[in-house]
N, C-alpha and C. Protein backbone atom coordinates (compact mmCIF):
# COMPACT_ATOMS: atom_id res chain seq x y z
N MET A 1 -30.56 48.06 82.15
CA MET A 1 -29.99 49.67 81.54
C MET A 1 -28.49 49.63 81.67
N GLU A 2 -27.79 49.58 83.20
CA GLU A 2 -26.71 50.02 83.53
C GLU A 2 -25.43 48.79 82.90
N THR A 3 -26.31 47.70 82.11
CA THR A 3 -25.78 46.56 81.82
C THR A 3 -25.39 47.18 80.20
N GLN A 4 -26.59 47.29 79.34
CA GLN A 4 -26.36 48.27 78.57
C GLN A 4 -25.03 49.01 78.17
N ARG A 5 -25.36 50.12 79.30
CA ARG A 5 -24.25 51.34 79.70
C ARG A 5 -22.51 50.79 79.63
N ARG A 6 -22.44 49.31 80.41
CA ARG A 6 -21.09 48.83 80.32
C ARG A 6 -21.16 48.34 78.96
N LEU A 7 -21.75 47.83 78.59
CA LEU A 7 -21.46 46.71 76.87
C LEU A 7 -21.32 47.80 75.60
N GLN A 8 -21.49 48.82 76.12
CA GLN A 8 -21.03 50.17 75.88
C GLN A 8 -20.15 50.85 75.74
N GLN A 9 -19.79 50.50 76.91
CA GLN A 9 -18.46 51.45 76.52
C GLN A 9 -16.82 49.90 76.67
N GLN A 10 -17.37 49.44 77.12
CA GLN A 10 -16.76 48.39 76.53
C GLN A 10 -16.47 48.16 74.46
N ASP A 11 -17.39 48.03 74.21
CA ASP A 11 -17.15 48.91 72.97
C ASP A 11 -16.70 49.69 72.57
N LYS A 12 -16.65 50.72 73.42
CA LYS A 12 -15.93 52.27 72.65
C LYS A 12 -14.24 51.68 73.09
N THR A 13 -14.43 50.82 74.51
CA THR A 13 -12.59 50.90 75.13
C THR A 13 -11.94 50.06 73.65
N PHE A 14 -12.61 48.65 72.67
CA PHE A 14 -11.92 47.80 71.98
C PHE A 14 -11.71 49.12 70.69
N ASP A 15 -12.81 49.61 70.71
CA ASP A 15 -12.22 50.11 69.36
C ASP A 15 -11.19 50.88 69.16
N HIS A 16 -11.11 51.77 70.70
CA HIS A 16 -10.36 52.94 70.61
C HIS A 16 -8.71 52.27 70.82
N HIS A 17 -8.64 50.77 71.23
CA HIS A 17 -7.19 49.61 71.72
C HIS A 17 -6.49 49.17 69.68
N VAL A 18 -8.27 48.62 69.26
CA VAL A 18 -8.21 48.90 67.77
C VAL A 18 -7.28 49.45 66.61
N ARG A 19 -7.56 51.08 67.37
CA ARG A 19 -7.47 52.15 66.51
C ARG A 19 -5.91 52.45 66.49
N ALA A 20 -5.59 52.41 68.23
CA ALA A 20 -4.01 52.53 68.25
C ALA A 20 -2.90 51.43 67.70
N VAL A 21 -3.34 50.08 68.07
CA VAL A 21 -2.94 49.29 67.28
C VAL A 21 -2.21 49.61 66.04
N HIS A 22 -3.65 49.79 65.43
CA HIS A 22 -3.76 50.13 63.43
C HIS A 22 -2.51 51.70 63.57
N LEU A 23 -2.58 52.60 64.51
CA LEU A 23 -1.45 53.46 64.24
C LEU A 23 0.15 53.24 63.91
N GLU A 24 0.09 52.22 65.23
CA GLU A 24 1.79 51.96 65.88
C GLU A 24 2.22 50.92 64.39
N GLU A 25 0.76 49.98 63.82
CA GLU A 25 1.77 48.98 62.45
C GLU A 25 1.69 49.97 62.01
N MET A 26 1.27 51.49 60.95
CA MET A 26 1.11 52.22 60.57
C MET A 26 2.60 52.68 60.14
N LEU A 27 2.87 53.08 61.49
CA LEU A 27 4.18 53.10 61.59
C LEU A 27 5.59 53.20 61.56
N GLU A 28 5.56 50.91 62.53
CA GLU A 28 6.36 50.36 61.68
C GLU A 28 6.46 50.23 60.21
N ARG A 29 5.46 49.86 59.72
CA ARG A 29 5.44 49.68 58.21
C ARG A 29 6.14 50.53 57.42
N LYS A 30 5.95 52.34 57.76
CA LYS A 30 6.51 53.38 57.44
C LYS A 30 7.82 53.61 56.99
N ALA A 31 8.91 53.08 58.40
CA ALA A 31 9.50 52.78 58.52
C ALA A 31 9.93 51.99 57.75
N VAL A 32 10.22 50.86 57.60
CA VAL A 32 10.55 49.66 56.92
C VAL A 32 10.58 49.83 55.49
N MET A 33 9.29 50.43 54.93
CA MET A 33 9.28 51.25 53.82
C MET A 33 10.22 52.03 53.10
N MET A 34 10.82 53.45 54.44
CA MET A 34 11.94 53.84 54.01
C MET A 34 13.44 53.54 54.22
N LYS A 35 13.24 52.62 54.92
CA LYS A 35 14.22 51.34 54.93
C LYS A 35 15.11 50.18 53.83
N ARG A 36 13.74 50.29 52.98
CA ARG A 36 14.35 49.68 52.11
C ARG A 36 14.20 50.21 50.59
N LEU A 37 14.13 51.66 50.76
CA LEU A 37 14.17 52.84 49.46
C LEU A 37 15.33 53.03 49.56
N GLN A 38 15.77 53.27 50.81
CA GLN A 38 17.60 53.68 51.33
C GLN A 38 18.37 52.36 50.65
N GLU A 39 18.05 51.21 51.04
CA GLU A 39 18.99 50.18 50.29
C GLU A 39 18.40 49.56 49.05
N ALA A 40 17.30 49.94 48.48
CA ALA A 40 17.42 49.46 47.05
C ALA A 40 18.16 49.72 45.50
N PRO A 41 18.63 51.26 45.97
CA PRO A 41 20.04 51.15 44.74
C PRO A 41 21.22 50.84 45.05
N LYS A 42 21.34 50.59 46.27
CA LYS A 42 22.40 49.55 46.68
C LYS A 42 22.20 48.23 46.32
N LEU A 43 21.01 47.69 46.18
CA LEU A 43 20.84 46.50 46.11
C LEU A 43 20.74 46.18 44.53
N HIS A 44 20.02 46.63 43.92
CA HIS A 44 20.11 46.71 42.59
C HIS A 44 21.61 47.46 42.09
N GLU A 45 22.44 47.89 42.33
CA GLU A 45 23.91 48.01 41.79
C GLU A 45 24.59 46.64 42.41
N LYS A 46 24.02 46.01 43.75
CA LYS A 46 24.69 44.54 43.51
C LYS A 46 24.33 43.94 42.50
N TYR A 47 22.49 43.57 41.87
CA TYR A 47 22.36 42.92 41.21
C TYR A 47 23.27 43.11 39.76
N GLU A 48 23.58 44.40 39.40
CA GLU A 48 23.77 44.48 37.88
C GLU A 48 25.10 44.33 37.73
N GLN A 49 25.97 44.20 39.34
CA GLN A 49 27.35 43.66 39.14
C GLN A 49 27.21 41.98 38.92
N ARG A 50 26.56 41.39 39.27
CA ARG A 50 26.55 39.96 39.30
C ARG A 50 25.94 39.63 37.35
N ARG A 51 25.40 39.94 37.57
CA ARG A 51 24.94 39.61 36.31
C ARG A 51 25.69 40.50 34.72
N ILE A 52 26.03 41.45 34.63
CA ILE A 52 27.72 41.37 34.02
C ILE A 52 28.96 40.82 34.24
N GLN A 53 29.30 40.72 35.81
CA GLN A 53 29.68 39.41 35.63
C GLN A 53 29.46 38.13 34.91
N LYS A 54 28.13 37.76 35.13
CA LYS A 54 27.94 36.38 34.53
C LYS A 54 28.18 36.68 32.74
N ALA A 55 27.20 37.78 32.47
CA ALA A 55 27.81 37.66 31.14
C ALA A 55 28.99 37.57 30.72
N ILE A 56 29.65 38.31 31.11
CA ILE A 56 31.31 38.49 30.69
C ILE A 56 31.73 37.10 30.90
N ASP A 57 32.11 36.48 32.01
CA ASP A 57 32.24 35.01 32.04
C ASP A 57 32.16 33.81 31.48
N ASP A 58 30.35 34.17 31.03
CA ASP A 58 30.15 33.11 29.38
C ASP A 58 30.43 34.08 28.32
N HIS A 59 30.79 34.58 27.91
CA HIS A 59 31.50 35.36 27.01
C HIS A 59 33.29 34.38 26.74
N ASN A 60 33.50 35.19 28.41
CA ASN A 60 35.37 33.68 28.14
C ASN A 60 34.66 32.45 27.77
N LEU A 61 34.15 31.84 28.46
CA LEU A 61 34.19 30.61 28.09
C LEU A 61 33.09 29.83 26.59
N ALA A 62 32.74 30.89 25.99
CA ALA A 62 32.62 30.64 24.74
C ALA A 62 33.98 31.68 23.96
N VAL A 63 34.62 31.77 24.40
CA VAL A 63 35.97 32.18 23.20
C VAL A 63 36.76 31.17 23.53
N CYS A 64 36.81 30.74 24.75
CA CYS A 64 37.77 29.11 25.33
C CYS A 64 37.47 28.02 24.42
N ILE A 65 35.69 28.01 24.42
CA ILE A 65 35.94 26.67 23.60
C ILE A 65 36.17 26.96 22.20
N TRP A 66 35.55 28.37 21.70
CA TRP A 66 36.19 28.53 20.26
C TRP A 66 37.45 28.37 20.12
N GLU A 67 38.35 28.35 20.71
CA GLU A 67 39.28 28.64 20.21
C GLU A 67 40.02 27.24 20.48
N ARG A 68 40.07 26.30 21.25
CA ARG A 68 39.83 25.08 21.64
C ARG A 68 39.36 24.15 19.87
N LEU A 69 38.07 23.97 19.68
CA LEU A 69 37.62 24.18 18.40
C LEU A 69 38.06 23.83 16.96
N GLU A 70 39.47 25.47 17.07
CA GLU A 70 40.17 25.96 16.12
C GLU A 70 41.03 24.91 16.29
N ASN A 71 41.73 25.05 17.63
CA ASN A 71 43.08 24.32 17.64
C ASN A 71 42.51 22.57 17.50
N ILE A 72 41.58 22.32 17.26
CA ILE A 72 41.38 20.19 17.00
C ILE A 72 41.44 20.77 15.94
N ARG A 73 40.81 21.45 14.53
CA ARG A 73 39.88 21.16 13.43
C ARG A 73 40.83 20.63 12.83
N GLU A 74 42.20 20.87 12.87
CA GLU A 74 42.97 20.41 11.46
C GLU A 74 43.08 18.88 12.36
N ASP A 75 43.03 18.76 13.62
CA ASP A 75 43.22 17.15 13.76
C ASP A 75 41.74 16.18 13.25
N ALA A 76 41.02 17.51 14.02
CA ALA A 76 39.77 16.70 12.78
C ALA A 76 39.46 16.17 11.61
N MET A 77 40.12 17.37 10.81
CA MET A 77 39.54 16.97 9.43
C MET A 77 41.14 15.91 9.30
N ASP A 78 41.78 15.60 9.43
CA ASP A 78 43.20 14.50 9.46
C ASP A 78 41.73 12.95 9.94
N TRP A 79 41.17 13.19 11.11
CA TRP A 79 40.75 11.68 11.88
C TRP A 79 39.59 11.88 10.51
N MET A 80 38.87 12.43 10.41
CA MET A 80 38.24 12.49 9.65
C MET A 80 38.11 11.38 7.94
N ALA A 81 39.20 11.64 7.24
CA ALA A 81 39.66 11.51 5.79
C ALA A 81 40.22 10.41 6.76
N GLN A 82 41.12 9.94 7.83
CA GLN A 82 41.09 8.36 7.69
C GLN A 82 40.51 7.48 8.16
N VAL A 83 39.23 8.35 8.64
CA VAL A 83 37.80 6.80 8.56
C VAL A 83 37.06 7.13 7.54
N LYS A 84 37.71 8.18 6.66
CA LYS A 84 36.78 7.40 5.22
C LYS A 84 37.27 6.82 4.77
N SER A 85 38.84 7.07 4.60
CA SER A 85 39.42 6.39 4.48
C SER A 85 39.51 4.53 4.90
N SER A 86 39.68 4.19 5.25
CA SER A 86 39.96 2.53 6.31
C SER A 86 38.26 2.38 6.17
N ASN A 87 37.01 2.98 6.03
CA ASN A 87 36.34 2.34 6.04
C ASN A 87 35.54 2.36 4.55
N ALA A 88 36.33 2.61 3.55
CA ALA A 88 35.87 3.11 2.61
C ALA A 88 35.01 2.12 1.43
N GLU A 89 35.75 0.51 1.74
CA GLU A 89 34.69 0.05 1.40
C GLU A 89 33.57 -0.58 1.98
N ASP A 90 33.90 -0.03 3.22
CA ASP A 90 31.72 -0.59 4.30
C ASP A 90 30.81 0.67 3.03
N PHE A 91 31.89 1.39 3.23
CA PHE A 91 31.33 2.68 2.45
C PHE A 91 30.82 2.10 0.51
N ALA A 92 31.58 1.26 0.00
CA ALA A 92 31.44 1.36 -0.92
C ALA A 92 30.62 -0.10 -1.47
N ARG A 93 30.44 -1.16 -0.35
CA ARG A 93 29.37 -2.04 -0.04
C ARG A 93 27.86 -1.95 0.45
N LYS A 94 28.34 -0.61 1.31
CA LYS A 94 26.20 -0.19 1.82
C LYS A 94 25.99 0.80 0.84
N ALA A 95 26.75 1.60 -0.39
CA ALA A 95 26.02 1.95 -1.31
C ALA A 95 25.44 1.07 -2.68
N LYS A 96 26.82 -0.64 -2.81
CA LYS A 96 26.05 -1.12 -3.14
C LYS A 96 24.71 -1.31 -2.79
N LEU A 97 24.27 -1.98 -1.98
CA LEU A 97 23.39 -2.66 -1.29
C LEU A 97 22.35 -1.13 -1.55
N ASP A 98 22.42 -0.16 -1.42
CA ASP A 98 21.40 0.89 -1.47
C ASP A 98 20.56 0.58 -2.97
N GLU A 99 22.22 0.75 -4.20
CA GLU A 99 22.01 0.04 -5.16
C GLU A 99 20.75 -0.29 -6.22
N GLU A 100 21.44 -1.99 -5.79
CA GLU A 100 20.17 -3.21 -5.28
C GLU A 100 18.92 -2.62 -4.53
N ARG A 101 18.86 -1.98 -4.37
CA ARG A 101 17.51 -2.84 -3.55
C ARG A 101 16.39 -1.30 -3.99
N ARG A 102 16.84 -0.40 -4.57
CA ARG A 102 16.42 0.71 -5.22
C ARG A 102 16.06 0.06 -6.59
N ARG A 103 17.17 -1.11 -7.46
CA ARG A 103 16.43 -1.89 -8.54
C ARG A 103 15.77 -2.82 -8.83
N ARG A 104 15.50 -3.71 -7.28
CA ARG A 104 14.86 -4.61 -6.92
C ARG A 104 13.46 -3.51 -6.70
N GLU A 105 13.77 -3.26 -6.15
CA GLU A 105 12.28 -2.23 -5.72
C GLU A 105 11.36 -1.37 -7.25
N GLU A 106 12.67 -1.41 -8.27
CA GLU A 106 11.73 -0.98 -9.02
C GLU A 106 11.68 -1.99 -10.13
N GLU A 107 12.19 -2.81 -10.08
CA GLU A 107 11.35 -4.40 -11.06
C GLU A 107 10.41 -4.71 -10.04
N GLU A 108 9.99 -4.81 -8.96
CA GLU A 108 8.64 -5.23 -8.13
C GLU A 108 7.62 -3.79 -9.06
N ARG A 109 8.16 -3.15 -8.71
CA ARG A 109 6.95 -2.15 -9.03
C ARG A 109 6.33 -1.94 -10.99
N GLN A 110 7.33 -2.64 -11.63
CA GLN A 110 7.01 -2.94 -13.05
C GLN A 110 6.04 -3.83 -13.43
N ARG A 111 7.36 -5.03 -12.02
CA ARG A 111 5.99 -7.27 -12.55
C ARG A 111 4.95 -6.22 -11.77
N GLN A 112 4.53 -5.57 -10.91
CA GLN A 112 3.15 -5.29 -9.93
C GLN A 112 2.02 -4.87 -11.21
N GLN A 113 2.76 -3.41 -11.87
CA GLN A 113 1.88 -2.53 -13.25
C GLN A 113 1.78 -3.50 -14.07
N LEU A 114 2.57 -4.75 -14.59
CA LEU A 114 2.41 -5.27 -15.58
C LEU A 114 1.26 -6.47 -15.33
N ILE A 115 1.23 -6.84 -14.07
CA ILE A 115 0.07 -7.81 -13.34
C ILE A 115 -1.56 -6.88 -13.59
N GLU A 116 -1.31 -6.22 -12.96
CA GLU A 116 -2.34 -5.17 -12.92
C GLU A 116 -2.83 -4.39 -14.34
N GLU A 117 -2.16 -4.82 -14.97
CA GLU A 117 -2.67 -4.68 -17.07
C GLU A 117 -3.55 -5.74 -17.47
N GLN A 118 -2.02 -6.89 -17.20
CA GLN A 118 -2.79 -8.20 -17.80
C GLN A 118 -4.59 -8.39 -17.00
N ARG A 119 -4.60 -8.38 -15.51
CA ARG A 119 -5.79 -8.73 -15.30
C ARG A 119 -6.69 -7.45 -15.87
N ARG A 120 -6.66 -6.34 -15.78
CA ARG A 120 -7.53 -5.66 -16.41
C ARG A 120 -7.83 -5.67 -18.17
N ALA A 121 -7.07 -6.33 -18.45
CA ALA A 121 -7.07 -6.67 -20.08
C ALA A 121 -7.86 -7.92 -20.15
N ALA A 122 -7.43 -8.23 -18.97
CA ALA A 122 -8.45 -9.56 -18.44
C ALA A 122 -10.07 -9.67 -18.54
N ARG A 123 -9.90 -8.80 -17.62
CA ARG A 123 -11.84 -7.99 -17.17
C ARG A 123 -12.21 -7.72 -18.19
N GLU A 124 -12.06 -6.99 -19.13
CA GLU A 124 -12.51 -6.47 -20.35
C GLU A 124 -13.50 -6.95 -21.54
N PRO A 125 -13.86 -6.45 -21.95
CA PRO A 125 -14.67 -8.14 -23.16
C PRO A 125 -13.97 -7.86 -24.48
N ARG A 126 -13.85 -8.95 -25.11
CA ARG A 126 -13.68 -8.82 -26.27
C ARG A 126 -14.35 -8.60 -27.30
N GLY A 127 -13.69 -9.01 -28.96
CA GLY A 127 -14.59 -8.55 -29.84
C GLY A 127 -15.94 -7.85 -30.02
N PRO A 128 -17.03 -7.27 -30.64
CA PRO A 128 -18.02 -6.38 -31.00
C PRO A 128 -18.28 -6.02 -29.84
N ASN A 129 -18.47 -6.96 -29.11
CA ASN A 129 -18.99 -6.54 -27.42
C ASN A 129 -18.16 -5.54 -26.94
N ARG A 130 -16.59 -5.85 -27.39
CA ARG A 130 -16.59 -4.03 -26.66
C ARG A 130 -15.90 -3.04 -27.37
N ARG A 131 -16.44 -3.52 -28.66
CA ARG A 131 -16.08 -2.45 -29.70
C ARG A 131 -17.49 -1.58 -29.24
N GLU A 132 -18.78 -2.09 -28.89
CA GLU A 132 -20.24 -1.71 -28.71
C GLU A 132 -19.65 -0.76 -27.47
N MET A 133 -19.08 -1.81 -26.32
CA MET A 133 -19.10 -0.75 -25.07
C MET A 133 -18.21 0.44 -25.51
N ASP A 134 -16.52 0.37 -26.22
CA ASP A 134 -16.20 1.49 -26.54
C ASP A 134 -17.02 2.80 -26.62
N MET A 135 -18.02 2.35 -28.21
CA MET A 135 -18.36 3.52 -27.80
C MET A 135 -19.46 3.86 -27.65
N ASP A 136 -20.17 3.25 -26.68
CA ASP A 136 -21.18 3.55 -25.34
C ASP A 136 -20.27 4.24 -24.85
N SER A 137 -19.05 4.21 -24.32
CA SER A 137 -18.01 4.40 -23.49
C SER A 137 -17.78 6.14 -23.61
N LYS A 138 -17.21 6.27 -25.26
CA LYS A 138 -17.55 7.60 -26.29
C LYS A 138 -18.20 7.82 -26.05
N ALA A 139 -19.31 8.09 -26.07
CA ALA A 139 -20.99 8.82 -26.47
C ALA A 139 -20.72 9.08 -24.80
N MET A 140 -21.02 8.64 -23.90
CA MET A 140 -21.21 9.04 -22.04
C MET A 140 -19.93 9.97 -21.84
N ALA A 141 -19.15 10.20 -22.39
CA ALA A 141 -17.74 10.79 -22.01
C ALA A 141 -18.20 12.21 -22.31
N ASP A 142 -18.85 12.68 -23.62
CA ASP A 142 -19.44 12.92 -24.31
C ASP A 142 -20.27 14.17 -23.86
N SER A 143 -20.20 15.74 -23.19
CA SER A 143 -21.24 15.74 -22.05
C SER A 143 -21.56 16.85 -22.46
N ASP A 144 -21.61 17.13 -24.19
CA ASP A 144 -22.50 18.33 -25.18
C ASP A 144 -24.25 18.09 -24.80
N TRP A 145 -24.79 16.06 -24.83
CA TRP A 145 -26.12 16.43 -24.91
C TRP A 145 -26.29 16.44 -22.95
N ARG A 146 -25.28 16.68 -22.04
CA ARG A 146 -25.82 17.59 -21.29
C ARG A 146 -25.95 18.62 -20.42
N GLY A 147 -24.87 19.72 -21.60
CA GLY A 147 -25.12 20.71 -21.06
C GLY A 147 -26.09 21.72 -22.19
N GLY A 148 -26.70 20.74 -22.60
CA GLY A 148 -27.45 21.22 -24.21
C GLY A 148 -26.35 21.43 -25.53
N GLY A 149 -25.14 21.29 -25.77
CA GLY A 149 -24.92 21.83 -27.21
C GLY A 149 -25.56 21.91 -28.51
N GLY A 150 -24.85 22.39 -28.94
CA GLY A 150 -25.35 22.17 -30.16
C GLY A 150 -25.33 21.41 -31.17
N ARG A 151 -23.81 20.18 -30.61
CA ARG A 151 -23.55 19.41 -31.63
C ARG A 151 -24.95 18.68 -30.93
N GLU A 152 -25.10 17.87 -32.29
CA GLU A 152 -25.91 16.55 -32.31
C GLU A 152 -25.16 14.87 -32.46
N ARG A 153 -25.92 14.42 -31.70
CA ARG A 153 -25.08 12.83 -32.39
C ARG A 153 -25.57 12.30 -34.11
N PRO A 154 -24.92 11.36 -34.19
CA PRO A 154 -25.20 11.33 -35.71
C PRO A 154 -25.61 10.19 -34.91
N VAL A 155 -27.28 10.24 -36.62
CA VAL A 155 -27.62 9.22 -36.08
C VAL A 155 -27.64 8.26 -37.06
N MET A 156 -28.09 6.75 -36.38
CA MET A 156 -27.14 5.57 -36.86
C MET A 156 -28.57 5.49 -38.02
N ALA A 157 -28.29 4.63 -39.39
CA ALA A 157 -29.55 4.26 -40.23
C ALA A 157 -29.44 2.46 -39.62
N SER A 158 -31.19 2.64 -39.98
CA SER A 158 -32.20 1.89 -39.27
C SER A 158 -31.41 0.13 -40.32
N ARG A 159 -31.22 -0.88 -39.95
CA ARG A 159 -30.93 -2.00 -40.12
C ARG A 159 -32.32 -2.31 -40.94
N PRO A 160 -32.51 -2.92 -42.68
CA PRO A 160 -33.60 -3.25 -43.00
C PRO A 160 -33.99 -4.46 -41.98
N ILE A 161 -35.53 -5.21 -42.16
CA ILE A 161 -36.20 -6.70 -41.53
C ILE A 161 -34.81 -7.97 -42.50
N PRO A 162 -34.66 -8.22 -41.61
CA PRO A 162 -34.48 -9.56 -42.46
C PRO A 162 -35.94 -10.39 -43.74
N GLY A 163 -36.74 -10.66 -43.14
CA GLY A 163 -37.80 -11.42 -43.68
C GLY A 163 -38.14 -10.56 -44.60
N ARG A 164 -38.11 -9.17 -44.22
CA ARG A 164 -38.59 -7.99 -45.36
C ARG A 164 -37.85 -8.24 -47.05
N ASP A 165 -36.62 -7.71 -46.14
CA ASP A 165 -35.52 -8.01 -47.86
C ASP A 165 -35.82 -9.21 -48.50
N ARG A 166 -35.79 -10.65 -47.83
CA ARG A 166 -36.14 -11.91 -47.84
C ARG A 166 -37.38 -11.92 -48.84
N GLU A 167 -38.37 -11.49 -48.54
CA GLU A 167 -39.67 -11.23 -49.13
C GLU A 167 -39.71 -10.49 -50.42
N ARG A 168 -38.29 -9.37 -50.35
CA ARG A 168 -38.87 -9.12 -51.55
C ARG A 168 -37.09 -9.30 -52.49
N ASP A 169 -36.28 -9.89 -52.01
CA ASP A 169 -35.92 -11.51 -53.18
C ASP A 169 -36.56 -12.29 -53.31
N PHE A 170 -37.48 -12.87 -52.78
CA PHE A 170 -37.78 -13.77 -53.58
C PHE A 170 -39.56 -13.90 -54.12
N GLY A 171 -39.92 -12.28 -54.29
CA GLY A 171 -41.22 -12.51 -54.21
C GLY A 171 -42.25 -12.72 -53.43
N GLU A 172 -43.48 -13.09 -53.45
CA GLU A 172 -44.31 -12.53 -52.32
C GLU A 172 -44.20 -14.31 -52.04
N ARG A 173 -44.95 -14.63 -50.64
CA ARG A 173 -45.07 -16.33 -49.85
C ARG A 173 -46.37 -15.99 -50.64
N PRO A 174 -46.76 -17.04 -50.67
CA PRO A 174 -47.74 -18.39 -51.34
C PRO A 174 -48.88 -18.19 -49.96
N PRO A 175 -50.10 -18.03 -49.73
CA PRO A 175 -51.01 -18.20 -48.70
C PRO A 175 -50.45 -19.84 -48.26
N MET A 176 -51.44 -19.65 -47.35
CA MET A 176 -50.77 -21.19 -47.34
C MET A 176 -52.12 -22.22 -46.88
N ARG A 177 -52.05 -23.03 -47.37
CA ARG A 177 -53.00 -24.15 -47.86
C ARG A 177 -54.13 -24.54 -46.69
N GLU A 178 -55.14 -25.11 -47.26
CA GLU A 178 -55.99 -24.77 -45.77
C GLU A 178 -55.94 -27.01 -45.72
N ARG A 179 -55.83 -26.99 -44.77
CA ARG A 179 -55.84 -28.17 -44.44
C ARG A 179 -57.54 -29.08 -44.44
N GLU A 180 -56.41 -30.56 -45.12
CA GLU A 180 -57.71 -30.69 -45.55
C GLU A 180 -58.32 -32.25 -44.73
N ASN A 181 -59.56 -31.96 -44.68
CA ASN A 181 -60.15 -32.73 -43.24
C ASN A 181 -60.43 -33.98 -43.61
N ILE A 182 -59.70 -35.11 -42.68
CA ILE A 182 -59.82 -36.40 -42.92
C ILE A 182 -60.46 -37.26 -42.81
N ILE A 183 -61.06 -37.63 -42.88
CA ILE A 183 -62.04 -38.68 -42.40
C ILE A 183 -61.39 -39.88 -41.63
N SER A 184 -61.49 -40.42 -40.49
CA SER A 184 -61.36 -41.57 -39.65
C SER A 184 -62.21 -42.49 -39.86
N GLN A 185 -61.76 -44.40 -38.73
CA GLN A 185 -62.94 -45.21 -38.98
C GLN A 185 -63.87 -45.05 -38.01
N ALA A 186 -63.54 -44.16 -36.53
CA ALA A 186 -64.24 -43.92 -35.87
C ALA A 186 -65.62 -42.95 -36.94
N ASP A 187 -64.94 -42.10 -37.31
CA ASP A 187 -66.16 -40.85 -37.84
C ASP A 187 -67.12 -42.31 -38.43
N ARG A 188 -66.75 -42.91 -39.56
CA ARG A 188 -67.84 -43.58 -40.05
C ARG A 188 -68.75 -44.53 -38.96
N ASP A 189 -68.37 -45.37 -38.50
CA ASP A 189 -68.38 -46.12 -37.89
C ASP A 189 -69.80 -45.83 -36.81
N ASP A 190 -70.89 -45.72 -36.98
CA ASP A 190 -72.19 -44.83 -36.79
C ASP A 190 -72.80 -45.56 -35.57
N SER A 191 -72.38 -47.17 -35.10
CA SER A 191 -72.75 -47.51 -34.24
C SER A 191 -73.02 -47.27 -32.81
N TRP A 192 -71.53 -46.56 -32.31
CA TRP A 192 -72.39 -46.17 -31.22
C TRP A 192 -73.71 -44.86 -30.70
N ARG A 193 -73.53 -44.54 -32.30
CA ARG A 193 -74.13 -43.00 -31.87
C ARG A 193 -76.07 -44.08 -31.57
N SER A 194 -76.52 -45.49 -32.73
CA SER A 194 -77.30 -45.69 -32.60
C SER A 194 -77.76 -46.52 -31.10
N GLY A 195 -77.06 -47.47 -30.40
CA GLY A 195 -77.04 -48.40 -29.43
C GLY A 195 -76.89 -47.11 -28.06
N MET A 196 -77.32 -45.74 -28.09
CA MET A 196 -76.98 -44.58 -27.29
C MET A 196 -78.64 -44.80 -26.42
N GLY A 197 -79.56 -44.88 -27.52
CA GLY A 197 -80.70 -45.14 -26.96
C GLY A 197 -81.63 -46.16 -26.42
N THR A 198 -80.96 -47.55 -26.02
CA THR A 198 -81.91 -48.24 -26.07
C THR A 198 -80.17 -48.72 -24.47
N ALA A 199 -80.96 -49.62 -23.49
CA ALA A 199 -79.97 -49.89 -22.72
C ALA A 199 -79.78 -51.05 -22.62
N PRO A 200 -78.07 -51.99 -22.30
CA PRO A 200 -78.30 -53.34 -22.16
C PRO A 200 -79.58 -54.31 -21.35
N PRO A 201 -79.58 -54.78 -21.42
CA PRO A 201 -80.14 -55.59 -20.59
C PRO A 201 -79.50 -56.34 -19.50
N PRO A 202 -80.28 -56.66 -18.21
CA PRO A 202 -79.43 -57.11 -17.07
C PRO A 202 -79.02 -58.57 -16.94
N PRO A 203 -77.81 -59.01 -16.32
CA PRO A 203 -77.43 -59.65 -16.30
C PRO A 203 -78.60 -60.64 -16.16
N SER A 204 -78.58 -62.41 -15.81
CA SER A 204 -79.25 -63.08 -15.36
C SER A 204 -79.36 -63.79 -14.34
N GLY A 205 -78.38 -63.69 -12.91
CA GLY A 205 -78.48 -63.15 -11.69
C GLY A 205 -79.44 -62.54 -10.97
N PHE A 206 -79.40 -61.28 -12.17
CA PHE A 206 -80.37 -59.98 -11.09
C PHE A 206 -81.10 -60.14 -10.92
N ARG A 207 -82.23 -59.62 -9.67
CA ARG A 207 -83.06 -59.99 -9.46
C ARG A 207 -83.86 -58.73 -8.84
N GLU A 208 -84.98 -58.27 -9.72
CA GLU A 208 -85.53 -57.04 -8.91
C GLU A 208 -86.08 -57.13 -7.44
N ARG A 209 -85.88 -56.38 -6.85
CA ARG A 209 -86.29 -56.27 -5.48
C ARG A 209 -87.58 -55.86 -5.29
N PRO A 210 -88.32 -56.70 -4.41
CA PRO A 210 -89.71 -56.30 -4.21
C PRO A 210 -90.29 -54.58 -3.55
N THR A 211 -91.37 -54.27 -3.67
CA THR A 211 -91.47 -52.70 -3.01
C THR A 211 -91.76 -53.42 -1.39
N PRO A 212 -91.06 -52.33 -0.89
CA PRO A 212 -91.91 -53.00 0.20
C PRO A 212 -93.12 -52.31 0.85
N THR A 213 -93.82 -52.86 2.22
CA THR A 213 -95.48 -52.28 1.82
C THR A 213 -95.51 -51.66 3.23
N PRO A 214 -95.67 -50.51 3.76
CA PRO A 214 -96.05 -50.02 4.86
C PRO A 214 -96.22 -50.88 6.03
N PRO A 215 -96.17 -51.02 7.23
CA PRO A 215 -96.91 -51.34 8.10
C PRO A 215 -98.38 -50.67 8.81
N ALA A 216 -99.02 -51.77 9.05
CA ALA A 216 -100.34 -51.23 8.92
C ALA A 216 -100.35 -50.51 10.50
N SER A 217 -101.01 -49.46 10.77
CA SER A 217 -101.38 -48.93 12.36
C SER A 217 -101.95 -49.38 13.08
N ILE A 218 -101.87 -48.69 14.31
CA ILE A 218 -102.13 -49.97 16.01
C ILE A 218 -103.98 -48.66 15.68
N ALA A 219 -104.47 -48.68 14.78
CA ALA A 219 -105.30 -47.77 14.81
C ALA A 219 -106.17 -48.94 14.56
N ASP A 220 -105.59 -49.09 12.98
CA ASP A 220 -105.73 -50.10 12.59
C ASP A 220 -106.30 -51.45 13.15
């Protein structure tokens, strides 16, 4: 019980000490704040003076540079004219080289275009097949049949069969004559049919093998 009372007393003493320190700290902070509030206008005035002076110095420097450029403008133009006149040959040669380069590029482009056209012409079929393919391509290009348009493709007339035209021109073809049966010598010779019933006699050296008799049993 005594120990608990001492602990409570220590806590109370520490709490009072912390409160006192906080109050003193607040007083010091308030004093510093008041001092800064008093010095703020003076600091702002000094800052404005420095800013204005810097702007004036920058303007004076820009004016000085502009005056210098104006003073040397004539000299600079004379120097540029002198450089152009002294390097006129180089400029002309450079312009000529540029023109030559553009001409070569144009010639190369035309040559490549001609080669492509020749290759395309070599790949394309020639003759009647090419005409049929052109007609097919035109028919495929026509999109009216896809969209259900009213225009219909012309129906090509069917070609007659050459065989029928030939029969009509030369008359009807006569019927095929029946093939005659030609009797050969083998058909006339019937000896091989008559000799099928009798077999040829065996050779003289062939003897008929006797039939073996079964052995007698032990009981007998």
